Amino acid sequence: METDDNTSVPRSWEELLAWRPEFPAIIEVWLKSTVRLIIQTHVQDGDQLGDLIIGFMTSTHIDANDLMTLSYHDSHYGSQYFLRAVFERIVTLKYLLRNSDKVEDFINYDAVDWEQILKGVHHLTGMSVGEPAWTNISSRAKEARKRNKQEKCSVCGNQRPTSWATLNTKDMAESVGMGHLYLNCYIFPSKLMHPTVWGTRARINDHNPMYNTLNCLHELLVELILIHRRYFASKYRVTRKRDVLAVWTRGGAL
């Protein structure tokens, strides 16, 4: 693979270490900084967005570790799946940070997910949560769908699938300044993870995505730290603000 200036880029972990031997240490800095911030941040009671930020940081840390493990073993197509998960999570988090009035909609939409899961369990096993739990979940899911009913597509006229937000992933990414990552973090992983002709040919022809995957992961981890920094440090929602700022300083010195 070549970049725009015709320079070669690594296609294996071994080539990566020869090309940028410091790269794993850089990722380690960001991952350790993430762990420190998770541990040192005590969210105030009732701070729903603060809870989401810490929860998303924890999930992203797990996914980033899995992505790096796959990359280390040269499983570069599998690592793309985790890249998409991290991208969607951080886009969502950044959007909620800018649109705090949408936090409740996002949290309440959990009822729709639970309804789908419980229906699937009942269909497969016959087991049910019983009453009044099922009625409560169904009512909450119905209300969430009603509240977040999507407009019809202006092109085809079809009703868009119900979601917690009116924006699709592309529009949401662009609205928070992350549209430049949409192709490499969403489109390519989607084509690879679904049964598409393009994804099949990419594997057969060995269109190795390692360079784009790791390059994007680095930027996404920086975005995650910045989200924490902007929300907690500015609002004094941390137990020991000085320690958190020290973590930011150490983690940012690349």
C-alpha atoms as a PDB file:
ATOM      1  CA  MET A   1       0.000   0.000   0.000  1.00  0.00           C
ATOM      2  CA  GLU A   2       1.144   3.541  -0.724  1.00  0.00           C
ATOM      3  CA  THR A   3       0.136   6.898   0.698  1.00  0.00           C
ATOM      4  CA  ASP A   4      -0.680  10.001  -1.346  1.00  0.00           C
ATOM      5  CA  ASP A   5       2.980  10.925  -1.539  1.00  0.00           C
ATOM      6  CA  ASN A   6       3.832   7.429  -2.853  1.00  0.00           C
ATOM      7  CA  THR A   7       5.613   6.335   0.316  1.00  0.00           C
ATOM      8  CA  SER A   8       5.080   2.747   1.398  1.00  0.00           C
ATOM      9  CA  VAL A   9       3.162   1.969   4.585  1.00  0.00           C
ATOM     10  CA  PRO A  10       3.357  -1.151   6.802  1.00  0.00           C
ATOM     11  CA  ARG A  11       1.200  -4.162   6.041  1.00  0.00           C
ATOM     12  CA  SER A  12       2.140  -6.267   9.074  1.00  0.00           C
ATOM     13  CA  TRP A  13       2.934  -5.723  12.743  1.00  0.00           C
ATOM     14  CA  GLU A  14       6.584  -6.479  12.068  1.00  0.00           C
ATOM     15  CA  GLU A  15       6.721  -3.850   9.337  1.00  0.00           C
ATOM     16  CA  LEU A  16       4.961  -1.373  11.647  1.00  0.00           C
ATOM     17  CA  LEU A  17       7.636  -1.779  14.326  1.00  0.00           C
ATOM     18  CA  ALA A  18      10.359  -1.283  11.741  1.00  0.00           C
ATOM     19  CA  TRP A  19       8.629   1.821  10.373  1.00  0.00           C
ATOM     20  CA  ARG A  20       7.333   3.413  13.609  1.00  0.00           C
ATOM     21  CA  PRO A  21       8.812   1.519  16.587  1.00  0.00           C
ATOM     22  CA  GLU A  22       7.354   4.052  19.013  1.00  0.00           C
ATOM     23  CA  PHE A  23       3.732   3.569  17.890  1.00  0.00           C
ATOM     24  CA  PRO A  24       2.728   0.818  20.390  1.00  0.00           C
ATOM     25  CA  ALA A  25       4.114   2.943  23.245  1.00  0.00           C
ATOM     26  CA  ILE A  26       2.056   5.929  22.052  1.00  0.00           C
ATOM     27  CA  ILE A  27      -1.152   3.875  22.094  1.00  0.00           C
ATOM     28  CA  GLU A  28      -0.196   2.531  25.520  1.00  0.00           C
ATOM     29  CA  VAL A  29       0.070   6.097  26.842  1.00  0.00           C
ATOM     30  CA  TRP A  30      -3.472   6.892  25.743  1.00  0.00           C
ATOM     31  CA  LEU A  31      -4.885   3.614  27.068  1.00  0.00           C
ATOM     32  CA  LYS A  32      -3.215   4.063  30.463  1.00  0.00           C
ATOM     33  CA  SER A  33      -4.423   7.660  30.598  1.00  0.00           C
ATOM     34  CA  THR A  34      -7.948   6.419  29.909  1.00  0.00           C
ATOM     35  CA  VAL A  35      -7.741   3.952  32.793  1.00  0.00           C
ATOM     36  CA  ARG A  36      -6.449   6.625  35.184  1.00  0.00           C
ATOM     37  CA  LEU A  37      -9.260   8.978  34.254  1.00  0.00           C
ATOM     38  CA  ILE A  38     -11.893   6.258  34.692  1.00  0.00           C
ATOM     39  CA  ILE A  39     -10.565   5.383  38.141  1.00  0.00           C
ATOM     40  CA  GLN A  40     -10.027   8.943  39.366  1.00  0.00           C
ATOM     41  CA  THR A  41     -13.326  10.405  38.134  1.00  0.00           C
ATOM     42  CA  HIS A  42     -16.205  10.182  40.589  1.00  0.00           C
ATOM     43  CA  VAL A  43     -19.405  11.129  38.813  1.00  0.00           C
ATOM     44  CA  GLN A  44     -21.937  13.115  40.816  1.00  0.00           C
ATOM     45  CA  ASP A  45     -25.286  11.481  41.559  1.00  0.00           C
ATOM     46  CA  GLY A  46     -27.795  12.194  38.818  1.00  0.00           C
ATOM     47  CA  ASP A  47     -25.168  13.150  36.236  1.00  0.00           C
ATOM     48  CA  GLN A  48     -26.429  10.990  33.368  1.00  0.00           C
ATOM     49  CA  LEU A  49     -23.988  12.311  30.783  1.00  0.00           C
ATOM     50  CA  GLY A  50     -21.082  11.863  33.178  1.00  0.00           C
ATOM     51  CA  ASP A  51     -22.105   8.231  33.702  1.00  0.00           C
ATOM     52  CA  LEU A  52     -22.298   7.719  29.947  1.00  0.00           C
ATOM     53  CA  ILE A  53     -18.839   9.208  29.399  1.00  0.00           C
ATOM     54  CA  ILE A  54     -17.213   6.892  31.957  1.00  0.00           C
ATOM     55  CA  GLY A  55     -19.170   3.896  30.664  1.00  0.00           C
ATOM     56  CA  PHE A  56     -18.223   4.636  27.063  1.00  0.00           C
ATOM     57  CA  MET A  57     -14.588   5.166  28.059  1.00  0.00           C
ATOM     58  CA  THR A  58     -14.560   1.752  29.747  1.00  0.00           C
ATOM     59  CA  SER A  59     -16.124   0.042  26.721  1.00  0.00           C
ATOM     60  CA  THR A  60     -13.751   1.813  24.344  1.00  0.00           C
ATOM     61  CA  HIS A  61     -10.728   0.776  26.393  1.00  0.00           C
ATOM     62  CA  ILE A  62     -11.823  -2.864  26.098  1.00  0.00           C
ATOM     63  CA  ASP A  63     -12.421  -2.588  22.340  1.00  0.00           C
ATOM     64  CA  ALA A  64      -9.142  -0.758  21.740  1.00  0.00           C
ATOM     65  CA  ASN A  65      -7.251  -3.498  23.572  1.00  0.00           C
ATOM     66  CA  ASP A  66      -8.961  -6.143  21.439  1.00  0.00           C
ATOM     67  CA  LEU A  67      -8.194  -4.156  18.280  1.00  0.00           C
ATOM     68  CA  MET A  68      -4.521  -3.898  19.188  1.00  0.00           C
ATOM     69  CA  THR A  69      -4.391  -7.619  20.038  1.00  0.00           C
ATOM     70  CA  LEU A  70      -5.762  -8.519  16.605  1.00  0.00           C
ATOM     71  CA  SER A  71      -3.356  -6.096  14.926  1.00  0.00           C
ATOM     72  CA  TYR A  72      -0.440  -7.633  16.813  1.00  0.00           C
ATOM     73  CA  HIS A  73      -1.434 -11.025  15.402  1.00  0.00           C
ATOM     74  CA  ASP A  74      -1.915  -9.517  11.910  1.00  0.00           C
ATOM     75  CA  SER A  75      -5.678 -10.076  11.964  1.00  0.00           C
ATOM     76  CA  HIS A  76      -6.330  -6.759  10.292  1.00  0.00           C
ATOM     77  CA  TYR A  77      -9.799  -7.397   8.909  1.00  0.00           C
ATOM     78  CA  GLY A  78     -11.147  -8.420  12.309  1.00  0.00           C
ATOM     79  CA  SER A  79      -9.687  -5.280  13.873  1.00  0.00           C
ATOM     80  CA  GLN A  80     -11.881  -3.217  11.537  1.00  0.00           C
ATOM     81  CA  TYR A  81     -14.992  -4.396  13.376  1.00  0.00           C
ATOM     82  CA  PHE A  82     -13.736  -2.960  16.645  1.00  0.00           C
ATOM     83  CA  LEU A  83     -12.736   0.244  14.851  1.00  0.00           C
ATOM     84  CA  ARG A  84     -16.316   0.821  13.745  1.00  0.00           C
ATOM     85  CA  ALA A  85     -17.603   0.182  17.278  1.00  0.00           C
ATOM     86  CA  VAL A  86     -15.145   2.689  18.758  1.00  0.00           C
ATOM     87  CA  PHE A  87     -15.960   5.252  16.065  1.00  0.00           C
ATOM     88  CA  GLU A  88     -19.722   5.043  16.567  1.00  0.00           C
ATOM     89  CA  ARG A  89     -19.356   5.224  20.323  1.00  0.00           C
ATOM     90  CA  ILE A  90     -17.162   8.331  20.271  1.00  0.00           C
ATOM     91  CA  VAL A  91     -19.280  10.089  17.631  1.00  0.00           C
ATOM     92  CA  THR A  92     -22.344   9.449  19.780  1.00  0.00           C
ATOM     93  CA  LEU A  93     -20.604  10.668  22.908  1.00  0.00           C
ATOM     94  CA  LYS A  94     -19.318  13.822  21.253  1.00  0.00           C
ATOM     95  CA  TYR A  95     -22.803  14.517  19.865  1.00  0.00           C
ATOM     96  CA  LEU A  96     -24.381  14.109  23.299  1.00  0.00           C
ATOM     97  CA  LEU A  97     -21.746  16.385  24.796  1.00  0.00           C
ATOM     98  CA  ARG A  98     -22.810  19.114  22.356  1.00  0.00           C
ATOM     99  CA  ASN A  99     -26.529  18.310  22.615  1.00  0.00           C
ATOM    100  CA  SER A 100     -27.143  17.503  26.265  1.00  0.00           C
ATOM    101  CA  ASP A 101     -30.912  17.733  25.719  1.00  0.00           C
ATOM    102  CA  LYS A 102     -30.652  14.448  23.778  1.00  0.00           C
ATOM    103  CA  VAL A 103     -29.128  12.464  26.657  1.00  0.00           C
ATOM    104  CA  GLU A 104     -32.496  11.443  28.069  1.00  0.00           C
ATOM    105  CA  ASP A 105     -33.683  10.284  24.627  1.00  0.00           C
ATOM    106  CA  PHE A 106     -30.552   8.165  24.257  1.00  0.00           C
ATOM    107  CA  ILE A 107     -30.964   6.559  27.674  1.00  0.00           C
ATOM    108  CA  ASN A 108     -34.695   5.959  27.295  1.00  0.00           C
ATOM    109  CA  TYR A 109     -34.133   4.224  23.955  1.00  0.00           C
ATOM    110  CA  ASP A 110     -32.564   1.401  25.963  1.00  0.00           C
ATOM    111  CA  ALA A 111     -36.112   0.122  26.443  1.00  0.00           C
ATOM    112  CA  VAL A 112     -36.335  -0.612  22.691  1.00  0.00           C
ATOM    113  CA  ASP A 113     -33.151  -2.682  22.874  1.00  0.00           C
ATOM    114  CA  TRP A 114     -34.417  -4.601  25.902  1.00  0.00           C
ATOM    115  CA  GLU A 115     -37.738  -5.302  24.201  1.00  0.00           C
ATOM    116  CA  GLN A 116     -35.974  -6.732  21.140  1.00  0.00           C
ATOM    117  CA  ILE A 117     -33.700  -8.914  23.274  1.00  0.00           C
ATOM    118  CA  LEU A 118     -36.491 -10.238  25.476  1.00  0.00           C
ATOM    119  CA  LYS A 119     -38.660 -11.014  22.446  1.00  0.00           C
ATOM    120  CA  GLY A 120     -35.748 -12.910  20.930  1.00  0.00           C
ATOM    121  CA  VAL A 121     -35.171 -14.884  24.127  1.00  0.00           C
ATOM    122  CA  HIS A 122     -38.870 -15.739  24.354  1.00  0.00           C
ATOM    123  CA  HIS A 123     -38.989 -16.845  20.707  1.00  0.00           C
ATOM    124  CA  LEU A 124     -35.902 -19.039  21.137  1.00  0.00           C
ATOM    125  CA  THR A 125     -36.482 -20.521  24.569  1.00  0.00           C
ATOM    126  CA  GLY A 126     -40.076 -19.774  25.563  1.00  0.00           C
ATOM    127  CA  MET A 127     -38.873 -17.994  28.692  1.00  0.00           C
ATOM    128  CA  SER A 128     -40.378 -14.648  29.675  1.00  0.00           C
ATOM    129  CA  VAL A 129     -39.715 -12.004  32.302  1.00  0.00           C
ATOM    130  CA  GLY A 130     -43.341 -12.159  33.383  1.00  0.00           C
ATOM    131  CA  GLU A 131     -45.606  -9.366  34.552  1.00  0.00           C
ATOM    132  CA  PRO A 132     -45.590  -6.508  35.293  1.00  0.00           C
ATOM    133  CA  ALA A 133     -42.002  -6.296  34.009  1.00  0.00           C
ATOM    134  CA  TRP A 134     -42.909  -7.090  30.401  1.00  0.00           C
ATOM    135  CA  THR A 135     -45.722  -4.529  30.257  1.00  0.00           C
ATOM    136  CA  ASN A 136     -43.450  -1.874  31.742  1.00  0.00           C
ATOM    137  CA  ILE A 137     -40.696  -2.532  29.193  1.00  0.00           C
ATOM    138  CA  SER A 138     -43.144  -2.644  26.271  1.00  0.00           C
ATOM    139  CA  SER A 139     -44.737   0.632  27.357  1.00  0.00           C
ATOM    140  CA  ARG A 140     -41.358   2.340  27.697  1.00  0.00           C
ATOM    141  CA  ALA A 141     -40.287   1.029  24.276  1.00  0.00           C
ATOM    142  CA  LYS A 142     -43.514   2.230  22.664  1.00  0.00           C
ATOM    143  CA  GLU A 143     -43.072   5.681  24.184  1.00  0.00           C
ATOM    144  CA  ALA A 144     -39.437   5.846  23.006  1.00  0.00           C
ATOM    145  CA  ARG A 145     -40.437   4.954  19.449  1.00  0.00           C
ATOM    146  CA  LYS A 146     -43.236   7.521  19.493  1.00  0.00           C
ATOM    147  CA  ARG A 147     -40.964  10.230  20.850  1.00  0.00           C
ATOM    148  CA  ASN A 148     -38.224   9.533  18.327  1.00  0.00           C
ATOM    149  CA  LYS A 149     -40.311   8.850  15.216  1.00  0.00           C
ATOM    150  CA  GLN A 150     -38.221   9.572  12.125  1.00  0.00           C
ATOM    151  CA  GLU A 151     -39.227  11.680   9.145  1.00  0.00           C
ATOM    152  CA  LYS A 152     -39.718  10.095   5.732  1.00  0.00           C
ATOM    153  CA  CYS A 153     -36.719  10.082   3.412  1.00  0.00           C
ATOM    154  CA  SER A 154     -36.854  13.056   1.031  1.00  0.00           C
ATOM    155  CA  VAL A 155     -35.411  10.896  -1.773  1.00  0.00           C
ATOM    156  CA  CYS A 156     -37.295   7.595  -1.663  1.00  0.00           C
ATOM    157  CA  GLY A 157     -40.233   8.569   0.539  1.00  0.00           C
ATOM    158  CA  ASN A 158     -39.807   5.554   2.828  1.00  0.00           C
ATOM    159  CA  GLN A 159     -40.055   5.798   6.590  1.00  0.00           C
ATOM    160  CA  ARG A 160     -36.620   5.749   8.181  1.00  0.00           C
ATOM    161  CA  PRO A 161     -35.987   3.192  10.952  1.00  0.00           C
ATOM    162  CA  THR A 162     -36.751   4.429  14.438  1.00  0.00           C
ATOM    163  CA  SER A 163     -33.731   5.637  16.366  1.00  0.00           C
ATOM    164  CA  TRP A 164     -32.965   7.814  19.371  1.00  0.00           C
ATOM    165  CA  ALA A 165     -31.709  10.617  17.088  1.00  0.00           C
ATOM    166  CA  THR A 166     -32.912  12.089  13.797  1.00  0.00           C
ATOM    167  CA  LEU A 167     -29.368  12.132  12.350  1.00  0.00           C
ATOM    168  CA  ASN A 168     -27.779   9.132  10.678  1.00  0.00           C
ATOM    169  CA  THR A 169     -24.192   8.166  11.519  1.00  0.00           C
ATOM    170  CA  LYS A 170     -22.676  10.157   8.656  1.00  0.00           C
ATOM    171  CA  ASP A 171     -24.555  13.354   9.468  1.00  0.00           C
ATOM    172  CA  MET A 172     -23.866  12.969  13.172  1.00  0.00           C
ATOM    173  CA  ALA A 173     -20.139  12.491  12.525  1.00  0.00           C
ATOM    174  CA  GLU A 174     -20.031  15.586  10.339  1.00  0.00           C
ATOM    175  CA  SER A 175     -21.942  17.628  12.916  1.00  0.00           C
ATOM    176  CA  VAL A 176     -19.229  16.987  15.523  1.00  0.00           C
ATOM    177  CA  GLY A 177     -16.236  17.463  13.229  1.00  0.00           C
ATOM    178  CA  MET A 178     -15.517  13.774  12.650  1.00  0.00           C
ATOM    179  CA  GLY A 179     -16.837  13.401   9.114  1.00  0.00           C
ATOM    180  CA  HIS A 180     -13.311  12.876   7.770  1.00  0.00           C
ATOM    181  CA  LEU A 181     -13.196   9.536   9.637  1.00  0.00           C
ATOM    182  CA  TYR A 182     -16.493   8.224   8.282  1.00  0.00           C
ATOM    183  CA  LEU A 183     -15.051   6.429   5.249  1.00  0.00           C
ATOM    184  CA  ASN A 184     -12.264   4.567   7.033  1.00  0.00           C
ATOM    185  CA  CYS A 185     -14.074   3.978  10.321  1.00  0.00           C
ATOM    186  CA  TYR A 186     -17.585   3.157   9.104  1.00  0.00           C
ATOM    187  CA  ILE A 187     -17.929   2.515   5.370  1.00  0.00           C
ATOM    188  CA  PHE A 188     -14.924   0.202   4.948  1.00  0.00           C
ATOM    189  CA  PRO A 189     -15.579  -1.797   8.154  1.00  0.00           C
ATOM    190  CA  SER A 190     -19.258  -2.131   7.207  1.00  0.00           C
ATOM    191  CA  LYS A 191     -18.400  -3.552   3.775  1.00  0.00           C
ATOM    192  CA  LEU A 192     -15.978  -6.008   5.371  1.00  0.00           C
ATOM    193  CA  MET A 193     -18.272  -7.203   8.174  1.00  0.00           C
ATOM    194  CA  HIS A 194     -21.334  -7.691   5.942  1.00  0.00           C
ATOM    195  CA  PRO A 195     -21.655 -10.185   3.045  1.00  0.00           C
ATOM    196  CA  THR A 196     -20.766  -7.760   0.249  1.00  0.00           C
ATOM    197  CA  VAL A 197     -18.979  -8.383  -3.046  1.00  0.00           C
ATOM    198  CA  TRP A 198     -16.580  -5.533  -2.282  1.00  0.00           C
ATOM    199  CA  GLY A 199     -15.685  -6.960   1.128  1.00  0.00           C
ATOM    200  CA  THR A 200     -15.131 -10.420  -0.308  1.00  0.00           C
ATOM    201  CA  ARG A 201     -12.865  -9.138  -3.049  1.00  0.00           C
ATOM    202  CA  ALA A 202     -10.963  -6.957  -0.585  1.00  0.00           C
ATOM    203  CA  ARG A 203     -10.065 -10.037   1.425  1.00  0.00           C
ATOM    204  CA  ILE A 204      -9.162 -12.117  -1.612  1.00  0.00           C
ATOM    205  CA  ASN A 205      -7.004  -9.344  -3.040  1.00  0.00           C
ATOM    206  CA  ASP A 206      -5.524  -8.643   0.416  1.00  0.00           C
ATOM    207  CA  HIS A 207      -6.393  -4.958   0.640  1.00  0.00           C
ATOM    208  CA  ASN A 208      -4.684  -4.739   4.004  1.00  0.00           C
ATOM    209  CA  PRO A 209      -6.367  -2.051   6.151  1.00  0.00           C
ATOM    210  CA  MET A 210      -3.837  -2.025   9.021  1.00  0.00           C
ATOM    211  CA  TYR A 211      -2.408   1.447   8.370  1.00  0.00           C
ATOM    212  CA  ASN A 212      -5.822   3.131   8.254  1.00  0.00           C
ATOM    213  CA  THR A 213      -7.099   1.134  11.225  1.00  0.00           C
ATOM    214  CA  LEU A 214      -4.277   2.077  13.589  1.00  0.00           C
ATOM    215  CA  ASN A 215      -4.052   5.640  12.340  1.00  0.00           C
ATOM    216  CA  CYS A 216      -7.776   6.135  12.999  1.00  0.00           C
ATOM    217  CA  LEU A 217      -7.621   4.398  16.376  1.00  0.00           C
ATOM    218  CA  HIS A 218      -4.970   6.852  17.512  1.00  0.00           C
ATOM    219  CA  GLU A 219      -7.152   9.830  16.618  1.00  0.00           C
ATOM    220  CA  LEU A 220     -10.233   8.296  18.222  1.00  0.00           C
ATOM    221  CA  LEU A 221      -8.429   7.723  21.518  1.00  0.00           C
ATOM    222  CA  VAL A 222      -7.313  11.348  21.533  1.00  0.00           C
ATOM    223  CA  GLU A 223     -10.926  12.413  20.898  1.00  0.00           C
ATOM    224  CA  LEU A 224     -12.056  10.283  23.845  1.00  0.00           C
ATOM    225  CA  ILE A 225      -9.587  11.910  26.233  1.00  0.00           C
ATOM    226  CA  LEU A 226     -10.627  15.346  24.962  1.00  0.00           C
ATOM    227  CA  ILE A 227     -14.293  14.560  25.625  1.00  0.00           C
ATOM    228  CA  HIS A 228     -13.478  13.709  29.228  1.00  0.00           C
ATOM    229  CA  ARG A 229     -11.292  16.794  29.550  1.00  0.00           C
ATOM    230  CA  ARG A 230     -13.933  19.159  28.199  1.00  0.00           C
ATOM    231  CA  TYR A 231     -16.749  17.826  30.325  1.00  0.00           C
ATOM    232  CA  PHE A 232     -15.270  16.959  33.701  1.00  0.00           C
ATOM    233  CA  ALA A 233     -12.385  19.404  34.097  1.00  0.00           C
ATOM    234  CA  SER A 234     -14.542  22.379  33.130  1.00  0.00           C
ATOM    235  CA  LYS A 235     -17.374  21.402  35.460  1.00  0.00           C
ATOM    236  CA  TYR A 236     -15.268  20.250  38.451  1.00  0.00           C
ATOM    237  CA  ARG A 237     -16.987  16.877  38.530  1.00  0.00           C
ATOM    238  CA  VAL A 238     -13.843  15.055  39.619  1.00  0.00           C
ATOM    239  CA  THR A 239     -12.714  14.156  43.089  1.00  0.00           C
ATOM    240  CA  ARG A 240      -9.159  15.393  42.594  1.00  0.00           C
ATOM    241  CA  LYS A 241      -9.006  17.808  39.690  1.00  0.00           C
ATOM    242  CA  ARG A 242      -5.244  18.287  39.959  1.00  0.00           C
ATOM    243  CA  ASP A 243      -4.583  14.562  39.442  1.00  0.00           C
ATOM    244  CA  VAL A 244      -6.830  14.405  36.365  1.00  0.00           C
ATOM    245  CA  LEU A 245      -5.088  17.383  34.805  1.00  0.00           C
ATOM    246  CA  ALA A 246      -1.728  15.741  35.507  1.00  0.00           C
ATOM    247  CA  VAL A 247      -2.911  12.634  33.671  1.00  0.00           C
ATOM    248  CA  TRP A 248      -3.930  14.810  30.733  1.00  0.00           C
ATOM    249  CA  THR A 249      -0.516  16.470  30.647  1.00  0.00           C
ATOM    250  CA  ARG A 250       1.385  13.183  30.762  1.00  0.00           C
ATOM    251  CA  GLY A 251      -0.935  11.478  28.294  1.00  0.00           C
ATOM    252  CA  GLY A 252      -0.743  14.328  25.828  1.00  0.00           C
ATOM    253  CA  ALA A 253       3.040  14.581  25.685  1.00  0.00           C
ATOM    254  CA  LEU A 254       3.625  12.538  22.530  1.00  0.00           C
END
